Structures are given as C-alpha cells and as structure tokens.
Amino acid sequence: MTISGPMIEVRLVVPFAARWGDSGSYAAAAYNIYLNYDGKGSKYGNTNVGANTNDVENMPVYASINGQDDSELHIILINRNYDRKLPAKISITSSKNYTKAEIYGFDSNSPTVRKMGSVDNIENNVLTLEVPNLTVFHIVLYSTSVQTK
C-alpha cells in the first residue's frame, strides 16, 4: 500500500519515547495524537506503510495500519507553516476502497486533541483537504466494510 500526493515520504519508528510536561501541554497533544486520538484509547497503527510528499519541510506525512489489517488506514499530516493553510491531495494505492474518514487533531489555538471533521464521500481513494496553519491531523480512513467509530 502506498499513499502519494503533492506532499510526503517518511516512516516513523519510535522504539522508546518519554515525555515531560503537564497533561494540557502541546507535548501531551503530540503523544495523544498517536496514542489516544479519540479520547477512548484509540491508537495510530503499529505497522508503517509508505507515504510520500513533495513538501516535507512544510507538511510531513506518516501512515500506518494495524498489523496486516488494512481496513483502517491512519494518516498523520502536520502543517508546520506559520502563515497559511496548505492543500493536501491524498491519493491511496491499495486493494481496499476507502470511502469514509474521521479527522482528529490539534492546532495553535488549543493543545486539546479533538474530532475536527469527517468525510463521507471519498471516491477512487482520493481525499482532498485543506490543513490549517500550525495544525496536526490524524486522519482515520475506513474501507467500505468497516464501520466508523
């Protein structure tokens, strides 16, 4: 499975992580976007999949699934740009047909990770979004056979 679009190529491997800071901080938000993005203990997948961008400086991307199960695809998009929102066209190459997505995230206004939107009409495994400046999105895409949370 590969994901490509006008922005992205990175894999995230963190064998050990530790944090300091209060639970309302941006440091906590950075952990929660991976380890508790919905406030119910849901996590970013444990198997990294390929993701590519043409603008890693402004908008890196990471993608994962759970084990070999690609019925849910997790994508992390980070808009590092201080001044402007950036477009993201996500094109997914997979045998699965992803039709729905839920978007969680946090931004420069608040370190609280929260649901920031959903998409119910993904066609041909292509999703187009605008990511506000200084915002992190955790996008969970669902194949047609999986119900959203």
N, C-alpha and C. Protein backbone atom coordinates (compact mmCIF):
# COMPACT_ATOMS: atom_id res chain seq x y z
N MET A 1 0.85 -1.17 0.00
CA MET A 1 0.00 0.00 0.00
C MET A 1 0.89 1.22 0.00
N THR A 2 0.57 2.17 -0.83
CA THR A 2 1.30 3.44 -0.81
C THR A 2 0.30 4.58 -0.83
N ILE A 3 0.71 5.67 -0.29
CA ILE A 3 -0.08 6.89 -0.30
C ILE A 3 0.79 7.93 -0.97
N SER A 4 0.23 8.63 -1.91
CA SER A 4 1.03 9.68 -2.52
C SER A 4 0.15 10.88 -2.77
N GLY A 5 0.77 12.01 -2.90
CA GLY A 5 0.04 13.24 -3.12
C GLY A 5 1.05 14.34 -3.29
N PRO A 6 0.60 15.58 -3.36
CA PRO A 6 1.54 16.65 -3.58
C PRO A 6 2.39 16.94 -2.36
N MET A 7 2.28 16.15 -1.34
CA MET A 7 3.10 16.39 -0.17
C MET A 7 3.43 15.11 0.59
N ILE A 8 4.70 14.48 0.58
CA ILE A 8 5.05 13.46 1.59
C ILE A 8 6.05 12.29 1.27
N GLU A 9 7.29 11.83 2.11
CA GLU A 9 7.88 10.48 2.20
C GLU A 9 8.63 10.32 3.52
N VAL A 10 8.01 9.59 4.43
CA VAL A 10 8.61 9.45 5.74
C VAL A 10 8.05 8.21 6.41
N ARG A 11 8.86 7.59 7.25
CA ARG A 11 8.39 6.49 8.09
C ARG A 11 8.76 6.85 9.52
N LEU A 12 7.87 6.54 10.40
CA LEU A 12 8.10 6.84 11.81
C LEU A 12 8.35 5.55 12.55
N VAL A 13 9.48 5.47 13.22
CA VAL A 13 9.78 4.32 14.07
C VAL A 13 10.28 4.89 15.39
N VAL A 14 9.55 4.64 16.45
CA VAL A 14 9.92 5.13 17.77
C VAL A 14 10.02 3.94 18.71
N PRO A 15 11.22 3.44 18.96
CA PRO A 15 11.35 2.28 19.83
C PRO A 15 11.08 2.61 21.30
N PHE A 16 11.32 3.84 21.68
CA PHE A 16 11.10 4.26 23.06
C PHE A 16 10.78 5.75 23.06
N ALA A 17 9.82 6.12 23.88
CA ALA A 17 9.50 7.54 23.98
C ALA A 17 9.16 7.88 25.42
N ALA A 18 9.51 9.08 25.83
CA ALA A 18 9.19 9.57 27.16
C ALA A 18 8.84 11.04 27.03
N ARG A 19 8.04 11.54 27.96
CA ARG A 19 7.69 12.95 27.88
C ARG A 19 7.66 13.58 29.27
N TRP A 20 7.88 14.87 29.26
CA TRP A 20 7.74 15.68 30.45
C TRP A 20 6.82 16.82 30.10
N GLY A 21 6.11 17.31 31.06
CA GLY A 21 5.21 18.42 30.82
C GLY A 21 3.82 18.09 31.34
N ASP A 22 3.03 19.13 31.57
CA ASP A 22 1.70 18.89 32.11
C ASP A 22 0.77 18.30 31.03
N SER A 23 -0.34 17.71 31.49
CA SER A 23 -1.22 16.98 30.59
C SER A 23 -1.98 17.88 29.61
N GLY A 24 -2.00 19.18 29.83
CA GLY A 24 -2.67 20.09 28.91
C GLY A 24 -1.73 20.75 27.92
N SER A 25 -0.51 20.24 27.85
CA SER A 25 0.51 20.89 27.03
C SER A 25 0.51 20.37 25.60
N TYR A 26 1.21 21.06 24.75
CA TYR A 26 1.39 20.60 23.38
C TYR A 26 2.22 19.33 23.33
N ALA A 27 3.12 19.11 24.30
CA ALA A 27 3.87 17.85 24.36
C ALA A 27 2.89 16.69 24.57
N ALA A 28 1.93 16.88 25.45
CA ALA A 28 0.91 15.84 25.67
C ALA A 28 0.08 15.63 24.42
N ALA A 29 -0.27 16.70 23.73
CA ALA A 29 -1.05 16.59 22.50
C ALA A 29 -0.30 15.78 21.44
N ALA A 30 1.01 15.98 21.36
CA ALA A 30 1.82 15.24 20.39
C ALA A 30 1.77 13.74 20.67
N TYR A 31 1.76 13.36 21.93
CA TYR A 31 1.62 11.94 22.27
C TYR A 31 0.19 11.46 22.03
N ASN A 32 -0.78 12.25 22.44
CA ASN A 32 -2.18 11.83 22.32
C ASN A 32 -2.63 11.68 20.87
N ILE A 33 -2.06 12.45 19.96
CA ILE A 33 -2.46 12.33 18.55
C ILE A 33 -2.12 10.93 18.03
N TYR A 34 -1.13 10.28 18.63
CA TYR A 34 -0.76 8.91 18.26
C TYR A 34 -1.38 7.87 19.19
N LEU A 35 -1.52 8.18 20.48
CA LEU A 35 -1.84 7.15 21.47
C LEU A 35 -3.24 7.24 22.07
N ASN A 36 -3.99 8.30 21.78
CA ASN A 36 -5.35 8.43 22.32
C ASN A 36 -6.09 9.51 21.54
N TYR A 37 -6.08 9.41 20.22
CA TYR A 37 -6.59 10.49 19.38
C TYR A 37 -8.07 10.77 19.54
N ASP A 38 -8.85 9.78 19.98
CA ASP A 38 -10.30 9.99 20.12
C ASP A 38 -10.75 10.09 21.57
N GLY A 39 -9.81 10.08 22.51
CA GLY A 39 -10.16 10.13 23.92
C GLY A 39 -10.68 8.81 24.46
N LYS A 40 -10.66 7.76 23.63
CA LYS A 40 -11.15 6.43 24.02
C LYS A 40 -10.03 5.40 23.95
N GLY A 41 -8.79 5.87 23.86
CA GLY A 41 -7.65 4.97 23.82
C GLY A 41 -7.28 4.45 22.44
N SER A 42 -7.90 4.97 21.39
CA SER A 42 -7.56 4.51 20.04
C SER A 42 -6.17 5.02 19.65
N LYS A 43 -5.44 4.19 18.93
CA LYS A 43 -4.04 4.48 18.62
C LYS A 43 -3.76 4.44 17.13
N TYR A 44 -2.74 5.16 16.76
CA TYR A 44 -2.13 5.08 15.44
C TYR A 44 -1.69 3.64 15.23
N GLY A 45 -1.76 3.15 13.99
CA GLY A 45 -1.43 1.76 13.71
C GLY A 45 -0.01 1.37 14.08
N ASN A 46 0.22 0.06 14.20
CA ASN A 46 1.54 -0.42 14.61
C ASN A 46 2.40 -0.91 13.45
N THR A 47 1.89 -0.77 12.21
CA THR A 47 2.66 -1.16 11.03
C THR A 47 2.73 0.04 10.09
N ASN A 48 3.92 0.55 9.87
CA ASN A 48 4.09 1.71 8.99
C ASN A 48 3.90 1.30 7.54
N VAL A 49 3.28 2.18 6.76
CA VAL A 49 3.15 1.98 5.32
C VAL A 49 3.72 3.21 4.62
N GLY A 50 4.05 3.06 3.37
CA GLY A 50 4.69 4.14 2.63
C GLY A 50 3.81 5.37 2.50
N ALA A 51 4.41 6.52 2.63
CA ALA A 51 3.72 7.80 2.44
C ALA A 51 4.73 8.78 1.85
N ASN A 52 4.33 9.52 0.84
CA ASN A 52 5.25 10.42 0.14
C ASN A 52 4.68 11.83 0.08
N THR A 53 5.57 12.81 0.09
CA THR A 53 5.17 14.20 -0.06
C THR A 53 6.19 14.94 -0.91
N ASN A 54 5.76 16.02 -1.54
CA ASN A 54 6.73 16.85 -2.25
C ASN A 54 7.09 18.08 -1.43
N ASP A 55 6.61 18.15 -0.16
CA ASP A 55 6.89 19.31 0.68
C ASP A 55 7.09 18.88 2.13
N VAL A 56 8.10 18.07 2.37
CA VAL A 56 8.34 17.55 3.71
C VAL A 56 8.66 18.66 4.71
N GLU A 57 9.22 19.76 4.25
CA GLU A 57 9.54 20.86 5.15
C GLU A 57 8.28 21.47 5.76
N ASN A 58 7.26 21.68 4.94
CA ASN A 58 6.02 22.30 5.43
C ASN A 58 4.95 21.31 5.87
N MET A 59 4.88 20.14 5.21
CA MET A 59 3.82 19.20 5.55
C MET A 59 4.30 17.75 5.45
N PRO A 60 4.97 17.27 6.51
CA PRO A 60 5.34 15.86 6.52
C PRO A 60 4.10 14.99 6.70
N VAL A 61 4.19 13.74 6.30
CA VAL A 61 3.09 12.79 6.41
C VAL A 61 3.63 11.44 6.88
N TYR A 62 2.82 10.75 7.65
CA TYR A 62 3.13 9.42 8.15
C TYR A 62 1.87 8.58 7.97
N ALA A 63 2.03 7.29 7.72
CA ALA A 63 0.85 6.44 7.54
C ALA A 63 1.10 5.07 8.16
N SER A 64 0.00 4.44 8.62
CA SER A 64 0.12 3.12 9.24
C SER A 64 -1.19 2.36 9.14
N ILE A 65 -1.09 1.06 9.38
CA ILE A 65 -2.23 0.17 9.54
C ILE A 65 -1.99 -0.63 10.81
N ASN A 66 -2.96 -1.44 11.21
CA ASN A 66 -2.80 -2.32 12.38
C ASN A 66 -2.43 -3.72 11.92
N GLY A 67 -1.18 -4.12 12.20
CA GLY A 67 -0.71 -5.43 11.75
C GLY A 67 -0.78 -5.53 10.24
N GLN A 68 -1.41 -6.56 9.74
CA GLN A 68 -1.62 -6.74 8.30
C GLN A 68 -3.02 -6.30 7.88
N ASP A 69 -3.81 -5.82 8.83
CA ASP A 69 -5.20 -5.42 8.56
C ASP A 69 -5.24 -3.99 8.03
N ASP A 70 -5.54 -3.85 6.75
CA ASP A 70 -5.58 -2.51 6.16
C ASP A 70 -7.01 -1.98 5.99
N SER A 71 -7.95 -2.49 6.78
CA SER A 71 -9.32 -1.98 6.71
C SER A 71 -9.43 -0.58 7.30
N GLU A 72 -8.50 -0.22 8.18
CA GLU A 72 -8.36 1.16 8.67
C GLU A 72 -6.97 1.64 8.31
N LEU A 73 -6.91 2.82 7.75
CA LEU A 73 -5.63 3.43 7.39
C LEU A 73 -5.50 4.72 8.18
N HIS A 74 -4.39 4.86 8.89
CA HIS A 74 -4.12 6.05 9.70
C HIS A 74 -3.11 6.93 8.98
N ILE A 75 -3.42 8.22 8.88
CA ILE A 75 -2.52 9.18 8.27
C ILE A 75 -2.34 10.36 9.22
N ILE A 76 -1.10 10.72 9.47
CA ILE A 76 -0.78 11.92 10.24
C ILE A 76 -0.26 12.96 9.26
N LEU A 77 -0.91 14.12 9.23
CA LEU A 77 -0.47 15.27 8.43
C LEU A 77 -0.12 16.40 9.40
N ILE A 78 1.00 17.03 9.19
CA ILE A 78 1.43 18.13 10.06
C ILE A 78 1.69 19.36 9.20
N ASN A 79 0.88 20.39 9.36
CA ASN A 79 1.15 21.65 8.66
C ASN A 79 2.04 22.49 9.57
N ARG A 80 3.31 22.58 9.24
CA ARG A 80 4.28 23.34 10.02
C ARG A 80 4.31 24.82 9.65
N ASN A 81 3.59 25.18 8.62
CA ASN A 81 3.63 26.55 8.11
C ASN A 81 3.00 27.51 9.11
N TYR A 82 3.68 28.59 9.42
CA TYR A 82 3.19 29.57 10.38
C TYR A 82 2.10 30.47 9.81
N ASP A 83 2.11 30.68 8.50
CA ASP A 83 1.29 31.73 7.91
C ASP A 83 0.08 31.30 7.11
N ARG A 84 0.04 30.05 6.63
CA ARG A 84 -1.07 29.74 5.73
C ARG A 84 -1.48 28.28 5.81
N LYS A 85 -2.76 28.06 5.48
CA LYS A 85 -3.26 26.70 5.35
C LYS A 85 -2.67 26.12 4.07
N LEU A 86 -2.55 24.81 4.04
CA LEU A 86 -1.97 24.14 2.88
C LEU A 86 -2.91 23.07 2.36
N PRO A 87 -2.99 22.91 1.05
CA PRO A 87 -3.83 21.86 0.49
C PRO A 87 -3.13 20.50 0.58
N ALA A 88 -3.92 19.47 0.75
CA ALA A 88 -3.39 18.10 0.75
C ALA A 88 -4.30 17.25 -0.12
N LYS A 89 -3.74 16.73 -1.17
CA LYS A 89 -4.47 15.77 -2.01
C LYS A 89 -3.86 14.41 -1.71
N ILE A 90 -4.62 13.56 -1.07
CA ILE A 90 -4.15 12.25 -0.65
C ILE A 90 -4.68 11.22 -1.64
N SER A 91 -3.78 10.57 -2.34
CA SER A 91 -4.13 9.52 -3.30
C SER A 91 -3.61 8.20 -2.73
N ILE A 92 -4.49 7.26 -2.52
CA ILE A 92 -4.14 6.00 -1.88
C ILE A 92 -4.12 4.88 -2.91
N THR A 93 -3.02 4.15 -2.94
CA THR A 93 -2.91 2.97 -3.78
C THR A 93 -3.07 1.75 -2.87
N SER A 94 -4.18 1.05 -3.04
CA SER A 94 -4.49 -0.09 -2.17
C SER A 94 -5.53 -0.97 -2.83
N SER A 95 -5.58 -2.23 -2.43
CA SER A 95 -6.65 -3.11 -2.88
C SER A 95 -7.96 -2.79 -2.16
N LYS A 96 -7.87 -2.04 -1.06
CA LYS A 96 -9.06 -1.61 -0.32
C LYS A 96 -9.62 -0.34 -0.93
N ASN A 97 -10.92 -0.18 -0.79
CA ASN A 97 -11.60 1.03 -1.26
C ASN A 97 -12.00 1.83 -0.02
N TYR A 98 -11.30 2.91 0.27
CA TYR A 98 -11.59 3.75 1.42
C TYR A 98 -12.66 4.77 1.04
N THR A 99 -13.75 4.80 1.80
CA THR A 99 -14.89 5.64 1.43
C THR A 99 -15.23 6.68 2.50
N LYS A 100 -14.75 6.49 3.71
CA LYS A 100 -15.06 7.40 4.81
C LYS A 100 -13.80 7.71 5.60
N ALA A 101 -13.81 8.87 6.26
CA ALA A 101 -12.68 9.25 7.11
C ALA A 101 -13.17 10.10 8.27
N GLU A 102 -12.50 9.96 9.38
CA GLU A 102 -12.69 10.84 10.53
C GLU A 102 -11.37 11.56 10.75
N ILE A 103 -11.46 12.83 11.09
CA ILE A 103 -10.26 13.66 11.26
C ILE A 103 -10.21 14.16 12.70
N TYR A 104 -9.13 13.83 13.37
CA TYR A 104 -8.85 14.30 14.73
C TYR A 104 -7.62 15.19 14.65
N GLY A 105 -7.46 16.06 15.62
CA GLY A 105 -6.26 16.88 15.58
C GLY A 105 -6.19 17.91 16.67
N PHE A 106 -5.16 18.74 16.57
CA PHE A 106 -5.00 19.91 17.45
C PHE A 106 -4.31 20.99 16.63
N ASP A 107 -4.36 22.22 17.15
CA ASP A 107 -3.83 23.35 16.38
C ASP A 107 -3.22 24.38 17.30
N SER A 108 -2.84 25.50 16.74
CA SER A 108 -2.16 26.54 17.51
C SER A 108 -3.09 27.23 18.51
N ASN A 109 -4.39 27.03 18.37
CA ASN A 109 -5.34 27.63 19.31
C ASN A 109 -5.54 26.81 20.58
N SER A 110 -5.27 25.49 20.50
CA SER A 110 -5.52 24.63 21.65
C SER A 110 -4.75 23.32 21.51
N PRO A 111 -4.13 22.86 22.62
CA PRO A 111 -3.46 21.57 22.59
C PRO A 111 -4.42 20.39 22.80
N THR A 112 -5.70 20.65 22.89
CA THR A 112 -6.68 19.58 23.08
C THR A 112 -6.87 18.82 21.77
N VAL A 113 -6.61 17.51 21.80
CA VAL A 113 -6.87 16.67 20.64
C VAL A 113 -8.36 16.42 20.59
N ARG A 114 -8.96 16.70 19.43
CA ARG A 114 -10.42 16.62 19.30
C ARG A 114 -10.80 16.22 17.89
N LYS A 115 -12.04 15.79 17.73
CA LYS A 115 -12.53 15.48 16.39
C LYS A 115 -12.70 16.80 15.65
N MET A 116 -12.11 16.88 14.46
CA MET A 116 -12.12 18.13 13.70
C MET A 116 -12.91 18.02 12.41
N GLY A 117 -13.48 16.85 12.15
CA GLY A 117 -14.29 16.70 10.95
C GLY A 117 -14.41 15.26 10.52
N SER A 118 -15.18 15.06 9.46
CA SER A 118 -15.33 13.74 8.86
C SER A 118 -15.62 13.92 7.38
N VAL A 119 -15.36 12.87 6.63
CA VAL A 119 -15.61 12.87 5.19
C VAL A 119 -16.36 11.57 4.88
N ASP A 120 -17.51 11.69 4.24
CA ASP A 120 -18.33 10.51 3.94
C ASP A 120 -18.40 10.18 2.46
N ASN A 121 -17.66 10.88 1.63
CA ASN A 121 -17.82 10.71 0.18
C ASN A 121 -16.48 10.57 -0.54
N ILE A 122 -15.57 9.77 -0.01
CA ILE A 122 -14.29 9.57 -0.67
C ILE A 122 -14.53 8.69 -1.90
N GLU A 123 -14.01 9.12 -3.03
CA GLU A 123 -14.16 8.35 -4.26
C GLU A 123 -12.80 8.05 -4.85
N ASN A 124 -12.64 6.83 -5.36
CA ASN A 124 -11.41 6.40 -6.04
C ASN A 124 -10.18 6.54 -5.16
N ASN A 125 -10.36 6.42 -3.84
CA ASN A 125 -9.26 6.51 -2.88
C ASN A 125 -8.49 7.82 -2.96
N VAL A 126 -9.21 8.90 -3.25
CA VAL A 126 -8.61 10.24 -3.29
C VAL A 126 -9.35 11.14 -2.32
N LEU A 127 -8.62 11.79 -1.46
CA LEU A 127 -9.17 12.69 -0.45
C LEU A 127 -8.43 14.02 -0.56
N THR A 128 -9.17 15.11 -0.66
CA THR A 128 -8.57 16.44 -0.74
C THR A 128 -9.00 17.25 0.48
N LEU A 129 -8.02 17.82 1.17
CA LEU A 129 -8.27 18.60 2.39
C LEU A 129 -7.46 19.88 2.35
N GLU A 130 -7.87 20.83 3.17
CA GLU A 130 -7.02 21.97 3.50
C GLU A 130 -6.65 21.83 4.97
N VAL A 131 -5.37 21.91 5.24
CA VAL A 131 -4.88 21.77 6.60
C VAL A 131 -4.50 23.16 7.09
N PRO A 132 -5.19 23.65 8.14
CA PRO A 132 -4.87 24.99 8.65
C PRO A 132 -3.42 25.09 9.12
N ASN A 133 -2.90 26.31 9.13
CA ASN A 133 -1.53 26.52 9.59
C ASN A 133 -1.36 26.02 11.02
N LEU A 134 -0.17 25.51 11.31
CA LEU A 134 0.20 25.00 12.64
C LEU A 134 -0.85 24.04 13.19
N THR A 135 -1.21 23.05 12.38
CA THR A 135 -2.22 22.07 12.74
C THR A 135 -1.69 20.67 12.48
N VAL A 136 -2.06 19.74 13.36
CA VAL A 136 -1.75 18.33 13.18
C VAL A 136 -3.07 17.59 13.00
N PHE A 137 -3.19 16.81 11.93
CA PHE A 137 -4.36 15.98 11.68
C PHE A 137 -3.97 14.51 11.83
N HIS A 138 -4.85 13.76 12.48
CA HIS A 138 -4.80 12.29 12.46
C HIS A 138 -6.05 11.87 11.72
N ILE A 139 -5.87 11.39 10.50
CA ILE A 139 -6.98 11.00 9.64
C ILE A 139 -7.11 9.49 9.70
N VAL A 140 -8.29 9.00 10.03
CA VAL A 140 -8.55 7.56 10.05
C VAL A 140 -9.49 7.27 8.88
N LEU A 141 -8.99 6.53 7.91
CA LEU A 141 -9.79 6.17 6.75
C LEU A 141 -10.33 4.76 6.93
N TYR A 142 -11.57 4.55 6.50
CA TYR A 142 -12.24 3.27 6.65
C TYR A 142 -12.59 2.70 5.30
N SER A 143 -12.32 1.42 5.13
CA SER A 143 -12.76 0.77 3.90
C SER A 143 -14.27 0.54 3.99
N THR A 144 -14.89 0.22 2.88
CA THR A 144 -16.35 0.11 2.82
C THR A 144 -16.92 -0.92 3.78
N SER A 145 -16.12 -1.91 4.18
CA SER A 145 -16.63 -2.96 5.05
C SER A 145 -16.46 -2.67 6.55
N VAL A 146 -15.90 -1.50 6.89
CA VAL A 146 -15.65 -1.16 8.29
C VAL A 146 -16.54 0.01 8.71
N GLN A 147 -17.16 -0.11 9.90
CA GLN A 147 -17.97 0.99 10.42
C GLN A 147 -17.08 1.98 11.14
N THR A 148 -17.43 3.28 11.03
CA THR A 148 -16.66 4.30 11.73
C THR A 148 -16.96 4.22 13.22
N LYS A 149 -16.08 4.82 14.01
CA LYS A 149 -16.21 4.75 15.48
C LYS A 149 -17.22 5.74 15.98
